Amino acid sequence: MVKDLNIDYYKLLFALSTALDFTGKGLMKHHIRVALIAQQIARKIGLNENETSEVVCASLLHDIGTINFTEKARLVDFEVQNTYDHCMRGERLVNSSPLLKPLSVVILCHHDRWDGKNKTGLAGESIPLASRIIHLADRVDVLIDSGRYILQQRDEIIKKITSLAGVFFDPQLVLALVDLARRESFWLDLTGGNYERILLSRIKPGRKNVSMEELLSVGEVFARVIDGKSRFTHVHSRLVSLVAGEMAELAGFSRDHCRAMRVAGLLHDLGKLAVPESILEKPGRLTPEEYNIIKCHTYYTYRILEMVEGFEEINLWASYHHECLNGRGYPFGIDGKKLSAESRIMAVSDIFSALVEDRPYRLGLSRHKVEQILLEKVKAGDLDAKWVNLLLENYNQLHELKEACSMDINKTRC
């Protein structure tokens, strides 16, 4: 495992923004459409490549502070109220990652009104330009009715936007939008579905070496987003990450290999952003229908991380954590012979972490009960005895990571 990965930075953000776009109505692709609109406005007003890149990257993550489906549903109201909380959460989240930190102020101000009625205290040109662009692009996308032909809507959308120039929006940016909106292609690009390809064709390639430390920091950000879906999973991704990394170290893996395992652990439940909170927090046994919805999360993790070139191994370690040696796992039903040591470690780490954590229907289990369940899963052919035995031999050391996670999250809670 190499120290750094040569990955396309934009494709990493595309993948993570896809995870953010799951709502109660499915996958909405809101972030990348906002990025498409914002990129064109940025170039229209003469921003250079670096400035446009900042606008695009911030667009792809602008609603990262919106944790649950209820809050996401409120944001589709054009004149949405009380946006500051999710903007502030988003700013704090990205500020914790050196790779994403430059986007923090832009995300904080992306709902600021031009007239200055903002909790940030900013108005007019004191609002970051990138934030003003994203605010305008975001509201254009919200006005689009997916049930109607796009070209039948453009006049009324532009009429609505122009009526608020100088109140909600920067008047100069509205003029740029009006000019862009005369082209049918501007609107048709927002309905064709080839969003990533179109956007990549318009921006400077973003392939660069990203260090494991940078990836860990991004993984930590998204682990907090994932775990924030439910109060019962508030440390789960970080605990799985630490347990998997520690087990890899105990097994003699290299330092960089262990850190790559930690990245996979942080992202293993990325697909849970597609699962309703009502299921994640249900106090009783799940119905078969609800369990089928839960089972989709590893598939979505796989498809999202598949978008990132250079993440091939990390993706398999993260996404196969519910596959079983007997081939009866999900979502792919993979033959155990094809499961790597890393995927097997991740499966053990995930189950161990879930057992020691509180859940809506029970408190964290005792050591005796955890050992019993893990050994039963070995006997059933679900888990690899080698890695279960390694965990049990180091149980106290690994269990202490739970307290470390809880202390850490209390210090950094948004």
Protein backbone atom coordinates (compact mmCIF):
# COMPACT_ATOMS: atom_id res chain seq x y z
CA MET A 1 0.00 0.00 0.00
CA VAL A 2 1.58 3.26 -1.16
CA LYS A 3 1.90 6.25 1.15
CA ASP A 4 -0.03 8.60 -1.12
CA LEU A 5 -2.73 7.92 -3.71
CA ASN A 6 -2.79 9.60 -7.10
CA ILE A 7 -6.51 10.29 -7.41
CA ASP A 8 -8.72 12.73 -9.23
CA TYR A 9 -9.70 15.24 -6.56
CA TYR A 10 -12.86 16.24 -8.42
CA LYS A 11 -13.99 12.62 -8.74
CA LEU A 12 -13.48 12.17 -5.00
CA LEU A 13 -15.73 15.17 -4.40
CA PHE A 14 -18.23 13.90 -7.01
CA ALA A 15 -18.45 10.62 -5.13
CA LEU A 16 -18.88 12.21 -1.72
CA SER A 17 -21.42 14.74 -3.03
CA THR A 18 -23.42 11.83 -4.46
CA ALA A 19 -23.67 10.42 -0.95
CA LEU A 20 -24.94 13.79 0.28
CA ASP A 21 -27.68 13.80 -2.36
CA PHE A 22 -29.71 10.93 -0.94
CA THR A 23 -33.06 12.21 0.32
CA GLY A 24 -36.43 10.78 1.26
CA LYS A 25 -37.24 10.89 -2.47
CA GLY A 26 -34.11 9.05 -3.58
CA LEU A 27 -30.90 10.29 -5.23
CA MET A 28 -31.48 13.89 -6.30
CA LYS A 29 -28.09 14.95 -7.80
CA HIS A 30 -28.65 18.45 -6.42
CA HIS A 31 -25.03 19.20 -5.55
CA ILE A 32 -23.58 18.47 -8.96
CA ARG A 33 -26.31 20.39 -10.78
CA VAL A 34 -25.56 23.37 -8.55
CA ALA A 35 -21.89 22.92 -9.46
CA LEU A 36 -22.79 22.90 -13.17
CA ILE A 37 -24.74 26.15 -12.86
CA ALA A 38 -22.18 27.80 -10.60
CA GLN A 39 -19.26 26.89 -12.87
CA GLN A 40 -20.90 28.60 -15.83
CA ILE A 41 -21.70 31.73 -13.83
CA ALA A 42 -18.12 31.83 -12.53
CA ARG A 43 -16.66 31.67 -16.03
CA LYS A 44 -19.22 34.12 -17.38
CA ILE A 45 -18.07 36.81 -14.95
CA GLY A 46 -14.41 36.13 -15.74
CA LEU A 47 -13.13 34.10 -12.79
CA ASN A 48 -9.85 32.27 -13.43
CA GLU A 49 -9.30 28.49 -13.20
CA ASN A 50 -8.37 28.50 -9.50
CA GLU A 51 -11.29 30.72 -8.53
CA THR A 52 -13.70 28.63 -10.60
CA SER A 53 -12.30 25.47 -9.02
CA GLU A 54 -13.09 26.82 -5.55
CA VAL A 55 -16.67 27.55 -6.65
CA VAL A 56 -17.10 24.04 -8.10
CA CYS A 57 -15.60 22.25 -5.08
CA ALA A 58 -17.67 24.23 -2.59
CA SER A 59 -20.79 23.65 -4.72
CA LEU A 60 -20.25 19.90 -4.55
CA LEU A 61 -20.26 19.99 -0.74
CA HIS A 62 -22.36 23.07 0.06
CA ASP A 63 -25.10 21.24 2.02
CA ILE A 64 -22.75 18.90 3.89
CA GLY A 65 -24.13 20.27 7.16
CA THR A 66 -27.63 18.98 6.36
CA ILE A 67 -27.73 15.70 8.25
CA ASN A 68 -31.22 14.18 7.97
CA PHE A 69 -34.02 13.76 5.45
CA THR A 70 -36.33 16.17 7.29
CA GLU A 71 -33.86 19.03 7.02
CA LYS A 72 -33.09 18.21 3.39
CA ALA A 73 -36.80 18.32 2.59
CA ARG A 74 -37.04 21.85 4.02
CA LEU A 75 -34.27 23.12 1.74
CA VAL A 76 -36.34 22.57 -1.41
CA ASP A 77 -38.61 25.42 -0.29
CA PHE A 78 -37.38 28.35 -2.38
CA GLU A 79 -37.69 30.88 0.44
CA VAL A 80 -36.36 28.48 3.06
CA GLN A 81 -35.95 29.92 6.56
CA ASN A 82 -33.41 29.20 9.29
CA THR A 83 -30.57 28.06 7.04
CA TYR A 84 -27.75 29.23 9.31
CA ASP A 85 -27.56 26.10 11.46
CA HIS A 86 -26.75 23.77 8.57
CA CYS A 87 -24.36 26.33 7.06
CA MET A 88 -22.53 26.61 10.38
CA ARG A 89 -22.41 22.81 10.78
CA GLY A 90 -21.04 22.49 7.27
CA GLU A 91 -18.39 25.13 7.95
CA ARG A 92 -17.26 23.32 11.09
CA LEU A 93 -17.17 19.96 9.36
CA VAL A 94 -15.00 20.99 6.41
CA ASN A 95 -12.85 23.22 8.61
CA SER A 96 -11.62 20.09 10.41
CA SER A 97 -10.01 18.75 7.20
CA PRO A 98 -6.85 20.44 5.84
CA LEU A 99 -7.85 19.36 2.33
CA LEU A 100 -11.35 20.87 2.58
CA LYS A 101 -10.67 23.79 4.94
CA PRO A 102 -10.33 26.42 2.16
CA LEU A 103 -14.03 25.83 1.38
CA SER A 104 -15.27 26.47 4.92
CA VAL A 105 -16.12 30.18 4.74
CA VAL A 106 -17.78 29.75 1.34
CA ILE A 107 -20.01 27.00 2.75
CA LEU A 108 -20.81 29.08 5.85
CA CYS A 109 -22.14 31.96 3.72
CA HIS A 110 -23.80 30.07 0.86
CA HIS A 111 -27.33 31.12 1.94
CA ASP A 112 -26.44 34.73 2.74
CA ARG A 113 -28.80 37.29 1.24
CA TRP A 114 -27.42 40.23 -0.73
CA ASP A 115 -29.43 42.71 1.40
CA GLY A 116 -27.60 41.69 4.56
CA LYS A 117 -30.31 40.02 6.65
CA ASN A 118 -27.81 37.33 7.65
CA LYS A 119 -26.56 35.86 10.92
CA THR A 120 -23.04 36.07 9.54
CA GLY A 121 -23.35 39.86 9.66
CA LEU A 122 -22.29 40.13 6.02
CA ALA A 123 -24.02 41.96 3.18
CA GLY A 124 -23.46 42.76 -0.50
CA GLU A 125 -19.90 42.45 -1.70
CA SER A 126 -18.62 41.54 1.78
CA ILE A 127 -20.21 38.09 1.25
CA PRO A 128 -17.61 35.83 -0.42
CA LEU A 129 -18.16 35.88 -4.18
CA ALA A 130 -18.13 32.08 -4.37
CA SER A 131 -20.92 31.99 -1.74
CA ARG A 132 -23.00 34.47 -3.74
CA ILE A 133 -22.60 32.34 -6.88
CA ILE A 134 -23.57 29.14 -5.08
CA HIS A 135 -26.59 30.78 -3.44
CA LEU A 136 -27.91 31.82 -6.84
CA ALA A 137 -27.14 28.46 -8.49
CA ASP A 138 -28.71 26.58 -5.57
CA ARG A 139 -31.98 28.48 -5.77
CA VAL A 140 -32.17 28.06 -9.57
CA ASP A 141 -31.90 24.31 -9.13
CA VAL A 142 -34.56 24.30 -6.41
CA LEU A 143 -36.99 26.08 -8.75
CA ILE A 144 -36.71 23.37 -11.43
CA ASP A 145 -39.75 21.08 -11.47
CA SER A 146 -38.60 17.60 -12.50
CA GLY A 147 -42.14 16.75 -13.57
CA ARG A 148 -42.24 19.38 -16.31
CA TYR A 149 -40.26 19.86 -19.51
CA ILE A 150 -37.33 22.09 -18.65
CA LEU A 151 -37.62 24.59 -21.51
CA GLN A 152 -41.22 25.33 -20.55
CA GLN A 153 -39.99 26.54 -17.17
CA ARG A 154 -37.03 28.77 -17.94
CA ASP A 155 -38.93 32.04 -18.35
CA GLU A 156 -40.76 31.74 -15.04
CA ILE A 157 -37.58 30.66 -13.25
CA ILE A 158 -35.66 33.66 -14.56
CA LYS A 159 -38.60 35.95 -13.73
CA LYS A 160 -38.58 34.71 -10.14
CA ILE A 161 -34.81 35.13 -9.81
CA THR A 162 -34.69 38.61 -11.36
CA SER A 163 -37.48 39.80 -9.05
CA LEU A 164 -35.12 39.16 -6.15
CA ALA A 165 -31.98 40.74 -7.60
CA GLY A 166 -30.62 43.16 -5.04
CA VAL A 167 -32.59 41.46 -2.25
CA PHE A 168 -31.59 37.79 -2.20
CA PHE A 169 -29.04 37.80 -5.01
CA ASP A 170 -26.09 39.82 -6.32
CA PRO A 171 -27.56 41.88 -9.22
CA GLN A 172 -24.46 41.42 -11.38
CA LEU A 173 -24.60 37.65 -11.00
CA VAL A 174 -28.28 37.68 -11.94
CA LEU A 175 -27.41 39.54 -15.14
CA ALA A 176 -24.82 36.87 -15.93
CA LEU A 177 -27.39 34.15 -15.29
CA VAL A 178 -29.96 35.85 -17.53
CA ASP A 179 -27.44 35.90 -20.37
CA LEU A 180 -26.55 32.22 -19.85
CA ALA A 181 -30.22 31.24 -19.62
CA ARG A 182 -30.89 32.34 -23.20
CA ARG A 183 -29.15 29.18 -24.38
CA GLU A 184 -31.26 26.02 -24.48
CA SER A 185 -28.13 24.00 -23.74
CA PHE A 186 -27.80 25.68 -20.32
CA TRP A 187 -31.11 24.13 -19.26
CA LEU A 188 -30.83 20.85 -21.13
CA ASP A 189 -27.49 20.14 -19.42
CA LEU A 190 -29.43 20.12 -16.14
CA THR A 191 -31.79 17.35 -17.23
CA GLY A 192 -29.66 15.00 -19.31
CA GLY A 193 -28.05 13.07 -16.46
CA ASN A 194 -24.47 13.24 -17.78
CA TYR A 195 -23.57 15.77 -15.12
CA GLU A 196 -20.13 14.49 -14.14
CA ARG A 197 -18.95 14.16 -17.75
CA ILE A 198 -20.21 17.63 -18.70
CA LEU A 199 -18.63 19.28 -15.66
CA LEU A 200 -15.30 17.48 -16.07
CA SER A 201 -15.15 18.67 -19.68
CA ARG A 202 -15.32 22.28 -18.47
CA ILE A 203 -12.80 22.32 -15.65
CA LYS A 204 -9.07 21.79 -15.36
CA PRO A 205 -8.19 18.15 -14.54
CA GLY A 206 -7.91 17.65 -10.81
CA ARG A 207 -5.68 14.58 -10.58
CA LYS A 208 -3.10 14.94 -7.85
CA ASN A 209 -1.37 13.05 -5.07
CA VAL A 210 -3.48 13.02 -1.93
CA SER A 211 -1.71 11.92 1.23
CA MET A 212 -3.16 9.32 3.58
CA GLU A 213 -3.34 12.03 6.24
CA GLU A 214 -5.51 14.16 3.93
CA LEU A 215 -7.71 11.19 3.09
CA LEU A 216 -8.09 10.37 6.77
CA SER A 217 -9.18 13.94 7.45
CA VAL A 218 -11.78 13.78 4.66
CA GLY A 219 -12.89 10.37 5.91
CA GLU A 220 -13.31 11.80 9.42
CA VAL A 221 -15.55 14.56 8.04
CA PHE A 222 -17.81 12.09 6.26
CA ALA A 223 -17.81 9.68 9.19
CA ARG A 224 -19.30 12.51 11.26
CA VAL A 225 -21.94 13.10 8.56
CA ILE A 226 -22.78 9.38 8.36
CA ASP A 227 -22.85 8.81 12.11
CA GLY A 228 -24.88 11.98 12.62
CA LYS A 229 -27.89 10.26 11.00
CA SER A 230 -28.68 8.57 14.31
CA ARG A 231 -27.80 9.27 17.94
CA PHE A 232 -27.18 5.53 18.31
CA THR A 233 -24.41 5.46 15.71
CA HIS A 234 -22.70 8.71 16.70
CA VAL A 235 -19.25 7.07 16.92
CA HIS A 236 -19.75 3.90 14.85
CA SER A 237 -17.71 4.71 11.74
CA ARG A 238 -14.81 6.07 13.76
CA LEU A 239 -14.86 3.07 16.06
CA VAL A 240 -14.86 0.62 13.14
CA SER A 241 -11.99 2.62 11.63
CA LEU A 242 -9.90 2.47 14.80
CA VAL A 243 -10.62 -1.21 15.46
CA ALA A 244 -9.80 -2.20 11.87
CA GLY A 245 -6.60 -0.13 11.90
CA GLU A 246 -5.55 -1.57 15.24
CA MET A 247 -6.23 -5.14 14.13
CA ALA A 248 -4.24 -4.56 10.95
CA GLU A 249 -1.35 -3.31 13.08
CA LEU A 250 -1.59 -6.34 15.38
CA ALA A 251 -1.45 -8.52 12.26
CA GLY A 252 1.82 -6.87 11.20
CA PHE A 253 0.54 -4.69 8.34
CA SER A 254 2.64 -1.66 7.43
CA ARG A 255 1.82 1.78 8.84
CA ASP A 256 0.45 3.02 5.51
CA HIS A 257 -1.59 -0.16 5.05
CA CYS A 258 -3.11 0.35 8.50
CA ARG A 259 -3.98 3.97 7.68
CA ALA A 260 -5.64 2.85 4.43
CA MET A 261 -7.70 0.41 6.50
CA ARG A 262 -8.72 3.32 8.70
CA VAL A 263 -9.90 5.28 5.66
CA ALA A 264 -11.98 2.29 4.56
CA GLY A 265 -13.45 2.00 8.05
CA LEU A 266 -14.43 5.66 8.12
CA LEU A 267 -16.27 5.30 4.79
CA HIS A 268 -17.69 1.78 5.13
CA ASP A 269 -21.22 3.01 5.94
CA LEU A 270 -21.30 5.83 3.40
CA GLY A 271 -24.36 4.22 1.81
CA LYS A 272 -26.31 4.64 5.06
CA LEU A 273 -26.93 8.21 3.95
CA ALA A 274 -29.60 6.60 1.74
CA VAL A 275 -31.39 4.99 4.71
CA PRO A 276 -34.25 6.84 6.47
CA GLU A 277 -33.56 7.85 10.07
CA SER A 278 -36.84 6.21 11.10
CA ILE A 279 -35.28 2.82 10.30
CA LEU A 280 -31.88 3.58 11.84
CA GLU A 281 -33.55 4.67 15.09
CA LYS A 282 -36.37 2.12 15.22
CA PRO A 283 -36.56 0.78 18.81
CA GLY A 284 -37.81 -2.66 17.82
CA ARG A 285 -37.05 -5.45 15.39
CA LEU A 286 -36.98 -4.42 11.73
CA THR A 287 -39.63 -5.76 9.37
CA PRO A 288 -38.41 -7.72 6.33
CA GLU A 289 -39.12 -4.66 4.20
CA GLU A 290 -37.06 -2.41 6.50
CA TYR A 291 -34.22 -4.91 6.60
CA ASN A 292 -34.15 -4.95 2.80
CA ILE A 293 -33.73 -1.16 2.85
CA ILE A 294 -30.86 -1.46 5.33
CA LYS A 295 -29.19 -4.04 3.08
CA CYS A 296 -28.88 -1.51 0.28
CA HIS A 297 -26.33 0.57 2.17
CA THR A 298 -23.26 -1.55 1.32
CA TYR A 299 -24.26 -1.54 -2.35
CA TYR A 300 -24.43 2.24 -2.34
CA THR A 301 -21.08 2.46 -0.54
CA TYR A 302 -19.59 0.33 -3.30
CA ARG A 303 -21.09 2.33 -6.17
CA ILE A 304 -20.14 5.67 -4.65
CA LEU A 305 -16.52 4.75 -3.92
CA GLU A 306 -16.29 3.04 -7.31
CA MET A 307 -16.37 6.54 -8.81
CA VAL A 308 -12.92 7.34 -7.37
CA GLU A 309 -9.99 6.10 -9.46
CA GLY A 310 -7.25 4.90 -7.10
CA PHE A 311 -9.76 3.75 -4.46
CA GLU A 312 -10.18 0.24 -5.85
CA GLU A 313 -8.76 -1.63 -2.84
CA ILE A 314 -10.15 0.73 -0.21
CA ASN A 315 -13.57 0.34 -1.84
CA LEU A 316 -13.55 -3.45 -1.53
CA TRP A 317 -12.44 -3.34 2.10
CA ALA A 318 -15.16 -0.82 2.92
CA SER A 319 -18.03 -2.25 0.87
CA TYR A 320 -17.66 -5.97 1.61
CA HIS A 321 -18.14 -5.69 5.38
CA HIS A 322 -21.45 -7.63 5.23
CA GLU A 323 -20.18 -10.34 2.90
CA CYS A 324 -19.66 -13.77 4.53
CA LEU A 325 -17.20 -16.61 4.10
CA ASN A 326 -20.11 -18.94 3.32
CA GLY A 327 -21.21 -16.73 0.42
CA ARG A 328 -24.49 -15.80 2.11
CA GLY A 329 -23.64 -12.19 2.81
CA TYR A 330 -24.92 -9.08 1.04
CA PRO A 331 -25.20 -7.28 -1.30
CA PHE A 332 -23.09 -9.34 -3.73
CA GLY A 333 -23.09 -12.82 -2.14
CA ILE A 334 -19.35 -13.12 -2.74
CA ASP A 335 -17.62 -16.47 -2.36
CA GLY A 336 -15.45 -16.37 0.75
CA LYS A 337 -12.39 -17.37 -1.25
CA LYS A 338 -12.60 -13.99 -2.97
CA LEU A 339 -12.72 -11.99 0.27
CA SER A 340 -9.37 -10.41 1.15
CA ALA A 341 -7.90 -10.40 4.64
CA GLU A 342 -8.73 -6.69 4.84
CA SER A 343 -12.41 -7.28 4.02
CA ARG A 344 -12.54 -10.04 6.61
CA ILE A 345 -10.99 -7.77 9.24
CA MET A 346 -13.51 -5.04 8.38
CA ALA A 347 -16.42 -7.45 8.81
CA VAL A 348 -15.20 -8.49 12.27
CA SER A 349 -14.51 -4.86 13.24
CA ASP A 350 -17.98 -3.77 12.14
CA ILE A 351 -19.83 -6.48 14.03
CA PHE A 352 -17.71 -6.03 17.17
CA SER A 353 -18.31 -2.27 17.13
CA ALA A 354 -22.07 -2.69 16.64
CA LEU A 355 -22.27 -5.18 19.52
CA VAL A 356 -20.47 -3.00 22.07
CA GLU A 357 -22.39 0.16 21.11
CA ASP A 358 -25.85 1.10 22.36
CA ARG A 359 -28.69 0.57 19.92
CA PRO A 360 -32.33 1.78 19.98
CA TYR A 361 -33.47 -1.63 21.20
CA ARG A 362 -30.62 -2.49 23.66
CA LEU A 363 -27.55 -1.25 25.51
CA GLY A 364 -24.04 -2.26 24.48
CA LEU A 365 -23.45 -5.94 25.22
CA SER A 366 -21.17 -7.51 27.81
CA ARG A 367 -17.86 -9.11 26.86
CA HIS A 368 -19.29 -12.58 27.43
CA LYS A 369 -22.20 -11.91 25.08
CA VAL A 370 -19.98 -10.31 22.43
CA GLU A 371 -17.63 -13.30 22.48
CA GLN A 372 -20.57 -15.70 22.25
CA ILE A 373 -22.06 -13.95 19.22
CA LEU A 374 -18.75 -13.64 17.38
CA LEU A 375 -17.92 -17.31 17.90
CA GLU A 376 -21.40 -18.32 16.76
CA LYS A 377 -20.82 -16.36 13.57
CA VAL A 378 -17.54 -18.19 13.05
CA LYS A 379 -19.34 -21.51 13.51
CA ALA A 380 -22.04 -20.44 11.02
CA GLY A 381 -19.41 -19.60 8.41
CA ASP A 382 -20.05 -15.86 8.48
CA LEU A 383 -16.74 -14.65 9.95
CA ASP A 384 -13.11 -15.75 9.69
CA ALA A 385 -11.94 -17.50 12.88
CA LYS A 386 -8.41 -16.09 12.46
CA TRP A 387 -9.54 -12.49 12.80
CA VAL A 388 -12.18 -13.18 15.45
CA ASN A 389 -9.52 -14.90 17.57
CA LEU A 390 -7.14 -11.96 17.09
CA LEU A 391 -9.85 -9.59 18.29
CA LEU A 392 -10.72 -11.72 21.30
CA GLU A 393 -7.06 -12.05 22.26
CA ASN A 394 -6.84 -8.26 22.35
CA TYR A 395 -10.39 -7.57 23.53
CA ASN A 396 -9.63 -5.09 26.29
CA GLN A 397 -7.28 -3.06 24.12
CA LEU A 398 -9.83 -2.84 21.32
CA HIS A 399 -12.78 -2.19 23.63
CA GLU A 400 -10.97 0.83 25.09
CA LEU A 401 -11.20 2.45 21.66
CA LYS A 402 -14.95 2.87 22.25
CA GLU A 403 -14.30 5.22 25.17
CA ALA A 404 -11.66 7.08 23.17
CA CYS A 405 -14.18 7.62 20.35
CA SER A 406 -16.87 8.84 22.72
CA MET A 407 -14.51 11.32 24.38
CA ASP A 408 -13.31 12.58 21.01
CA ILE A 409 -16.79 13.11 19.58
CA ASN A 410 -17.88 15.03 22.69
CA LYS A 411 -14.97 17.42 22.11
CA THR A 412 -15.72 17.94 18.42
CA ARG A 413 -19.54 17.72 18.32
CA CYS A 414 -21.12 20.26 15.96
